[in-house]
């Protein structure tokens, strides 16, 4: 199930967020934080930190309404939302990957997309309760810029896992880090409790089915 997250679309939005005169204004994280929404502040990483207008952003995590489809399978009930500005536009074949990162050998890709000339990226990643429970196992969320061969490498690794019995979705981290933020900032206690309850409920429903 984790491997299926790679197909989630992260869309680039039009419109500038740099204010007038190109003052390099970043994403305002205060609105989400004041509303009590679990929020990670994304800061420029790697070579992107040296840009004239370094990219910046935020990732928020919230719960959505739980539902089951016609096959009695639980649909995603949480959403990880990423917003970033001043992201360098992707060239032909390049795209950006959103990762859960622990180390270069233990990273989980969540979604991919190109960024248009506006440099603004906005995207949502649906998560089921079991995936939310995995978040504390990772240290940070990263957005990396990858080439077409690197994206293909990730896809092949996920496909190989799906052919085995112990698919985890964890693969080798690839690409150039552009943004990064600490998962510890989310303050996951309440959502983890909710996810645990949902996961237990889903297991009970599966056994009855």
C-alpha atoms as a PDB file:
ATOM      1  CA  UNK A   1       0.000   0.000   0.000  1.00  0.00           C
ATOM      2  CA  UNK A   2       2.863   2.380   0.774  1.00  0.00           C
ATOM      3  CA  UNK A   3       4.274   1.960  -2.699  1.00  0.00           C
ATOM      4  CA  UNK A   4       1.020   3.164  -4.227  1.00  0.00           C
ATOM      5  CA  UNK A   5       1.638   6.652  -2.831  1.00  0.00           C
ATOM      6  CA  UNK A   6       4.086   7.327  -5.659  1.00  0.00           C
ATOM      7  CA  UNK A   7       1.154   7.910  -8.007  1.00  0.00           C
ATOM      8  CA  UNK A   8      -0.226  10.781  -5.927  1.00  0.00           C
ATOM      9  CA  UNK A   9      -0.236  13.969  -7.949  1.00  0.00           C
ATOM     10  CA  UNK A  10       1.475  17.034  -6.482  1.00  0.00           C
ATOM     11  CA  UNK A  11       0.309  19.939  -8.589  1.00  0.00           C
ATOM     12  CA  UNK A  12       2.073  23.230  -9.219  1.00  0.00           C
ATOM     13  CA  UNK A  13      -0.041  26.328  -8.824  1.00  0.00           C
ATOM     14  CA  UNK A  14       0.184  29.613 -10.643  1.00  0.00           C
ATOM     15  CA  UNK A  15       0.496  33.030  -9.081  1.00  0.00           C
ATOM     16  CA  UNK A  16       3.377  34.551  -7.159  1.00  0.00           C
ATOM     17  CA  UNK A  17       3.933  34.592  -3.428  1.00  0.00           C
ATOM     18  CA  UNK A  18       6.968  36.823  -3.408  1.00  0.00           C
ATOM     19  CA  UNK A  19       5.088  40.077  -2.899  1.00  0.00           C
ATOM     20  CA  UNK A  20       5.816  43.177  -4.936  1.00  0.00           C
ATOM     21  CA  UNK A  21       9.276  43.765  -6.277  1.00  0.00           C
ATOM     22  CA  UNK A  22      10.423  40.199  -5.780  1.00  0.00           C
ATOM     23  CA  UNK A  23      11.182  40.597  -2.077  1.00  0.00           C
ATOM     24  CA  UNK A  24      11.535  36.825  -1.639  1.00  0.00           C
ATOM     25  CA  UNK A  25       8.737  36.563   0.909  1.00  0.00           C
ATOM     26  CA  UNK A  26       8.342  32.983   2.062  1.00  0.00           C
ATOM     27  CA  UNK A  27       5.331  30.881   3.024  1.00  0.00           C
ATOM     28  CA  UNK A  28       3.496  32.171   6.102  1.00  0.00           C
ATOM     29  CA  UNK A  29       3.213  29.202   8.462  1.00  0.00           C
ATOM     30  CA  UNK A  30       1.582  31.168  11.290  1.00  0.00           C
ATOM     31  CA  UNK A  31      -2.006  30.718  10.053  1.00  0.00           C
ATOM     32  CA  UNK A  32      -1.874  26.921  10.212  1.00  0.00           C
ATOM     33  CA  UNK A  33       0.059  26.941  13.480  1.00  0.00           C
ATOM     34  CA  UNK A  34      -2.369  29.331  15.171  1.00  0.00           C
ATOM     35  CA  UNK A  35      -5.256  27.128  14.015  1.00  0.00           C
ATOM     36  CA  UNK A  36      -3.649  24.187  15.791  1.00  0.00           C
ATOM     37  CA  UNK A  37      -2.927  22.305  12.551  1.00  0.00           C
ATOM     38  CA  UNK A  38       0.180  20.074  12.789  1.00  0.00           C
ATOM     39  CA  UNK A  39       2.712  21.989  10.678  1.00  0.00           C
ATOM     40  CA  UNK A  40       6.304  21.532   9.540  1.00  0.00           C
ATOM     41  CA  UNK A  41       8.242  24.557   8.324  1.00  0.00           C
ATOM     42  CA  UNK A  42      10.275  23.717   5.224  1.00  0.00           C
ATOM     43  CA  UNK A  43      13.618  25.493   4.805  1.00  0.00           C
ATOM     44  CA  UNK A  44      15.924  25.541   1.803  1.00  0.00           C
ATOM     45  CA  UNK A  45      18.435  22.691   1.722  1.00  0.00           C
ATOM     46  CA  UNK A  46      21.582  21.954  -0.258  1.00  0.00           C
ATOM     47  CA  UNK A  47      22.551  24.296  -3.076  1.00  0.00           C
ATOM     48  CA  UNK A  48      19.038  25.823  -3.036  1.00  0.00           C
ATOM     49  CA  UNK A  49      19.897  27.576   0.247  1.00  0.00           C
ATOM     50  CA  UNK A  50      22.399  29.760  -1.636  1.00  0.00           C
ATOM     51  CA  UNK A  51      19.856  31.060  -4.172  1.00  0.00           C
ATOM     52  CA  UNK A  52      18.989  34.757  -4.312  1.00  0.00           C
ATOM     53  CA  UNK A  53      15.428  33.794  -3.358  1.00  0.00           C
ATOM     54  CA  UNK A  54      15.764  30.526  -1.397  1.00  0.00           C
ATOM     55  CA  UNK A  55      12.710  28.247  -1.553  1.00  0.00           C
ATOM     56  CA  UNK A  56      10.593  27.872   1.558  1.00  0.00           C
ATOM     57  CA  UNK A  57       7.374  26.138   2.448  1.00  0.00           C
ATOM     58  CA  UNK A  58       5.308  24.160   4.900  1.00  0.00           C
ATOM     59  CA  UNK A  59       3.764  20.723   5.294  1.00  0.00           C
ATOM     60  CA  UNK A  60       0.547  20.250   7.267  1.00  0.00           C
ATOM     61  CA  UNK A  61      -1.142  17.047   8.405  1.00  0.00           C
ATOM     62  CA  UNK A  62      -4.864  16.785   9.049  1.00  0.00           C
ATOM     63  CA  UNK A  63      -7.588  14.190   9.468  1.00  0.00           C
ATOM     64  CA  UNK A  64     -10.367  13.744   6.908  1.00  0.00           C
ATOM     65  CA  UNK A  65     -13.667  11.902   7.081  1.00  0.00           C
ATOM     66  CA  UNK A  66     -13.296   8.128   7.173  1.00  0.00           C
ATOM     67  CA  UNK A  67     -15.095   6.140   4.505  1.00  0.00           C
ATOM     68  CA  UNK A  68     -15.202   2.651   3.046  1.00  0.00           C
ATOM     69  CA  UNK A  69     -15.617   1.766  -0.600  1.00  0.00           C
ATOM     70  CA  UNK A  70     -17.828  -0.898  -2.120  1.00  0.00           C
ATOM     71  CA  UNK A  71     -15.208  -3.575  -1.421  1.00  0.00           C
ATOM     72  CA  UNK A  72     -15.162  -2.671   2.282  1.00  0.00           C
ATOM     73  CA  UNK A  73     -11.665  -1.215   2.027  1.00  0.00           C
ATOM     74  CA  UNK A  74     -10.851   1.876   4.054  1.00  0.00           C
ATOM     75  CA  UNK A  75     -10.056   4.972   2.040  1.00  0.00           C
ATOM     76  CA  UNK A  76      -7.317   7.401   3.157  1.00  0.00           C
ATOM     77  CA  UNK A  77      -8.457   9.344   6.211  1.00  0.00           C
ATOM     78  CA  UNK A  78      -5.527  11.728   6.643  1.00  0.00           C
ATOM     79  CA  UNK A  79      -3.970  14.243   4.276  1.00  0.00           C
ATOM     80  CA  UNK A  80      -0.392  15.530   4.113  1.00  0.00           C
ATOM     81  CA  UNK A  81      -0.434  18.929   2.377  1.00  0.00           C
ATOM     82  CA  UNK A  82       2.738  20.573   0.991  1.00  0.00           C
ATOM     83  CA  UNK A  83       3.094  24.202  -0.085  1.00  0.00           C
ATOM     84  CA  UNK A  84       6.325  25.805  -1.310  1.00  0.00           C
ATOM     85  CA  UNK A  85       7.420  28.976  -3.098  1.00  0.00           C
ATOM     86  CA  UNK A  86      10.516  30.027  -5.048  1.00  0.00           C
ATOM     87  CA  UNK A  87      11.119  26.426  -6.095  1.00  0.00           C
ATOM     88  CA  UNK A  88      13.417  26.327  -9.164  1.00  0.00           C
ATOM     89  CA  UNK A  89      11.326  25.318 -12.219  1.00  0.00           C
ATOM     90  CA  UNK A  90      11.983  21.783 -13.388  1.00  0.00           C
ATOM     91  CA  UNK A  91      13.604  21.235 -16.776  1.00  0.00           C
ATOM     92  CA  UNK A  92      12.566  18.585 -19.299  1.00  0.00           C
ATOM     93  CA  UNK A  93      12.292  15.216 -17.591  1.00  0.00           C
ATOM     94  CA  UNK A  94      12.939  16.615 -14.120  1.00  0.00           C
ATOM     95  CA  UNK A  95      10.411  16.509 -11.326  1.00  0.00           C
ATOM     96  CA  UNK A  96      10.228  16.919  -7.570  1.00  0.00           C
ATOM     97  CA  UNK A  97       9.773  14.098  -5.082  1.00  0.00           C
ATOM     98  CA  UNK A  98       8.273  14.470  -1.605  1.00  0.00           C
ATOM     99  CA  UNK A  99       9.962  12.102   0.868  1.00  0.00           C
ATOM    100  CA  UNK A 100       9.804  10.849   4.408  1.00  0.00           C
ATOM    101  CA  UNK A 101      13.521  10.804   5.249  1.00  0.00           C
ATOM    102  CA  UNK A 102      15.532   8.931   7.891  1.00  0.00           C
ATOM    103  CA  UNK A 103      18.772   8.311   6.025  1.00  0.00           C
ATOM    104  CA  UNK A 104      19.972   8.016   2.438  1.00  0.00           C
ATOM    105  CA  UNK A 105      19.170   4.297   2.583  1.00  0.00           C
ATOM    106  CA  UNK A 106      15.886   4.599   4.511  1.00  0.00           C
ATOM    107  CA  UNK A 107      13.545   7.019   2.761  1.00  0.00           C
ATOM    108  CA  UNK A 108       9.956   6.711   1.583  1.00  0.00           C
ATOM    109  CA  UNK A 109       8.782   8.617  -1.534  1.00  0.00           C
ATOM    110  CA  UNK A 110       5.268  10.054  -1.250  1.00  0.00           C
ATOM    111  CA  UNK A 111       4.597  11.848  -4.524  1.00  0.00           C
ATOM    112  CA  UNK A 112       6.106  13.502  -7.587  1.00  0.00           C
ATOM    113  CA  UNK A 113       5.432  16.385  -9.962  1.00  0.00           C
ATOM    114  CA  UNK A 114       7.060  19.112 -12.039  1.00  0.00           C
ATOM    115  CA  UNK A 115       7.080  22.765 -10.997  1.00  0.00           C
ATOM    116  CA  UNK A 116       6.102  25.425 -13.534  1.00  0.00           C
ATOM    117  CA  UNK A 117       7.644  28.827 -14.159  1.00  0.00           C
ATOM    118  CA  UNK A 118       5.834  30.363 -11.187  1.00  0.00           C
ATOM    119  CA  UNK A 119       8.019  28.415  -8.762  1.00  0.00           C
ATOM    120  CA  UNK A 120       5.004  27.645  -6.560  1.00  0.00           C
ATOM    121  CA  UNK A 121       4.258  24.059  -5.570  1.00  0.00           C
ATOM    122  CA  UNK A 122       1.111  22.842  -3.824  1.00  0.00           C
ATOM    123  CA  UNK A 123       0.120  19.224  -3.381  1.00  0.00           C
ATOM    124  CA  UNK A 124      -1.783  16.799  -1.209  1.00  0.00           C
ATOM    125  CA  UNK A 125      -0.846  13.244  -0.241  1.00  0.00           C
ATOM    126  CA  UNK A 126      -3.588  10.995   1.225  1.00  0.00           C
ATOM    127  CA  UNK A 127      -2.507   8.683   4.041  1.00  0.00           C
ATOM    128  CA  UNK A 128      -4.277   5.816   5.763  1.00  0.00           C
ATOM    129  CA  UNK A 129      -4.042   5.379   9.527  1.00  0.00           C
ATOM    130  CA  UNK A 130      -1.283   2.748   9.339  1.00  0.00           C
ATOM    131  CA  UNK A 131       0.901   5.144   7.346  1.00  0.00           C
ATOM    132  CA  UNK A 132       0.418   7.978   9.842  1.00  0.00           C
ATOM    133  CA  UNK A 133       1.631   5.609  12.562  1.00  0.00           C
ATOM    134  CA  UNK A 134       4.893   5.231  10.598  1.00  0.00           C
ATOM    135  CA  UNK A 135       5.696   8.970  10.602  1.00  0.00           C
ATOM    136  CA  UNK A 136       7.661   8.968  13.898  1.00  0.00           C
ATOM    137  CA  UNK A 137      10.018   6.369  12.381  1.00  0.00           C
ATOM    138  CA  UNK A 138      11.363   9.111  10.083  1.00  0.00           C
ATOM    139  CA  UNK A 139      13.315  12.230  11.025  1.00  0.00           C
ATOM    140  CA  UNK A 140      12.286  14.727   8.378  1.00  0.00           C
ATOM    141  CA  UNK A 141      10.297  15.495   5.269  1.00  0.00           C
ATOM    142  CA  UNK A 142      12.343  16.354   2.190  1.00  0.00           C
ATOM    143  CA  UNK A 143      11.571  17.627  -1.273  1.00  0.00           C
ATOM    144  CA  UNK A 144      14.248  16.722  -3.804  1.00  0.00           C
ATOM    145  CA  UNK A 145      14.763  17.542  -7.463  1.00  0.00           C
ATOM    146  CA  UNK A 146      15.315  14.375  -9.501  1.00  0.00           C
ATOM    147  CA  UNK A 147      16.183  13.582 -13.075  1.00  0.00           C
ATOM    148  CA  UNK A 148      14.139  11.227 -15.248  1.00  0.00           C
ATOM    149  CA  UNK A 149      16.606   8.322 -14.670  1.00  0.00           C
ATOM    150  CA  UNK A 150      16.482   8.884 -10.903  1.00  0.00           C
ATOM    151  CA  UNK A 151      12.674   8.884 -10.912  1.00  0.00           C
ATOM    152  CA  UNK A 152      12.752   5.662 -12.929  1.00  0.00           C
ATOM    153  CA  UNK A 153      15.148   4.172 -10.381  1.00  0.00           C
ATOM    154  CA  UNK A 154      12.666   4.882  -7.587  1.00  0.00           C
ATOM    155  CA  UNK A 155       9.777   3.423  -9.570  1.00  0.00           C
ATOM    156  CA  UNK A 156      11.721   0.245 -10.334  1.00  0.00           C
ATOM    157  CA  UNK A 157      12.668  -0.189  -6.672  1.00  0.00           C
ATOM    158  CA  UNK A 158       9.017   0.080  -5.652  1.00  0.00           C
ATOM    159  CA  UNK A 159       7.917  -2.363  -8.347  1.00  0.00           C
ATOM    160  CA  UNK A 160      10.522  -4.891  -7.214  1.00  0.00           C
ATOM    161  CA  UNK A 161       9.230  -4.601  -3.651  1.00  0.00           C
ATOM    162  CA  UNK A 162       5.662  -5.206  -4.769  1.00  0.00           C
ATOM    163  CA  UNK A 163       6.781  -8.521  -6.242  1.00  0.00           C
ATOM    164  CA  UNK A 164       8.034  -9.638  -2.831  1.00  0.00           C
ATOM    165  CA  UNK A 165       6.212 -10.365   0.409  1.00  0.00           C
ATOM    166  CA  UNK A 166       7.604  -7.549   2.558  1.00  0.00           C
ATOM    167  CA  UNK A 167       7.005  -4.367   0.569  1.00  0.00           C
ATOM    168  CA  UNK A 168       7.699  -1.349   2.792  1.00  0.00           C
ATOM    169  CA  UNK A 169       8.008   1.481   0.253  1.00  0.00           C
ATOM    170  CA  UNK A 170      11.378   2.413   1.780  1.00  0.00           C
ATOM    171  CA  UNK A 171      14.039   2.946  -0.904  1.00  0.00           C
ATOM    172  CA  UNK A 172      17.340   4.718  -1.548  1.00  0.00           C
ATOM    173  CA  UNK A 173      17.033   8.523  -1.361  1.00  0.00           C
ATOM    174  CA  UNK A 174      17.835  10.153  -4.697  1.00  0.00           C
ATOM    175  CA  UNK A 175      17.967  13.657  -6.111  1.00  0.00           C
ATOM    176  CA  UNK A 176      19.173  17.064  -4.949  1.00  0.00           C
ATOM    177  CA  UNK A 177      17.557  18.194  -1.646  1.00  0.00           C
ATOM    178  CA  UNK A 178      15.714  21.484  -2.118  1.00  0.00           C
ATOM    179  CA  UNK A 179      13.534  21.738   1.012  1.00  0.00           C
ATOM    180  CA  UNK A 180      13.580  19.994   4.374  1.00  0.00           C
ATOM    181  CA  UNK A 181      11.725  20.147   7.687  1.00  0.00           C
ATOM    182  CA  UNK A 182      11.671  18.155  10.931  1.00  0.00           C
ATOM    183  CA  UNK A 183       8.815  15.707  11.520  1.00  0.00           C
ATOM    184  CA  UNK A 184       9.189  16.391  15.254  1.00  0.00           C
ATOM    185  CA  UNK A 185       7.548  19.798  14.626  1.00  0.00           C
ATOM    186  CA  UNK A 186       4.224  18.141  13.779  1.00  0.00           C
ATOM    187  CA  UNK A 187       3.294  17.386  17.378  1.00  0.00           C
ATOM    188  CA  UNK A 188       1.684  14.097  16.417  1.00  0.00           C
ATOM    189  CA  UNK A 189       0.343  12.866  19.759  1.00  0.00           C
ATOM    190  CA  UNK A 190      -3.339  13.547  19.081  1.00  0.00           C
ATOM    191  CA  UNK A 191      -3.285  12.393  15.448  1.00  0.00           C
ATOM    192  CA  UNK A 192      -1.296   9.278  16.341  1.00  0.00           C
ATOM    193  CA  UNK A 193      -3.921   8.357  18.940  1.00  0.00           C
ATOM    194  CA  UNK A 194      -6.651   8.873  16.351  1.00  0.00           C
ATOM    195  CA  UNK A 195      -4.732   6.865  13.757  1.00  0.00           C
ATOM    196  CA  UNK A 196      -4.186   4.042  16.250  1.00  0.00           C
ATOM    197  CA  UNK A 197      -7.904   3.854  16.945  1.00  0.00           C
ATOM    198  CA  UNK A 198      -8.700   3.808  13.228  1.00  0.00           C
ATOM    199  CA  UNK A 199      -6.089   1.150  12.519  1.00  0.00           C
ATOM    200  CA  UNK A 200      -7.481  -1.091  15.257  1.00  0.00           C
ATOM    201  CA  UNK A 201     -10.999  -0.520  13.959  1.00  0.00           C
ATOM    202  CA  UNK A 202      -9.960  -1.411  10.416  1.00  0.00           C
ATOM    203  CA  UNK A 203      -8.277  -4.617  11.572  1.00  0.00           C
ATOM    204  CA  UNK A 204     -11.415  -5.621  13.423  1.00  0.00           C
ATOM    205  CA  UNK A 205     -13.556  -4.933  10.359  1.00  0.00           C
ATOM    206  CA  UNK A 206     -11.197  -6.940   8.150  1.00  0.00           C
ATOM    207  CA  UNK A 207     -11.409  -9.936  10.466  1.00  0.00           C
ATOM    208  CA  UNK A 208     -15.219  -9.802  10.404  1.00  0.00           C
ATOM    209  CA  UNK A 209     -15.148  -9.624   6.623  1.00  0.00           C
END
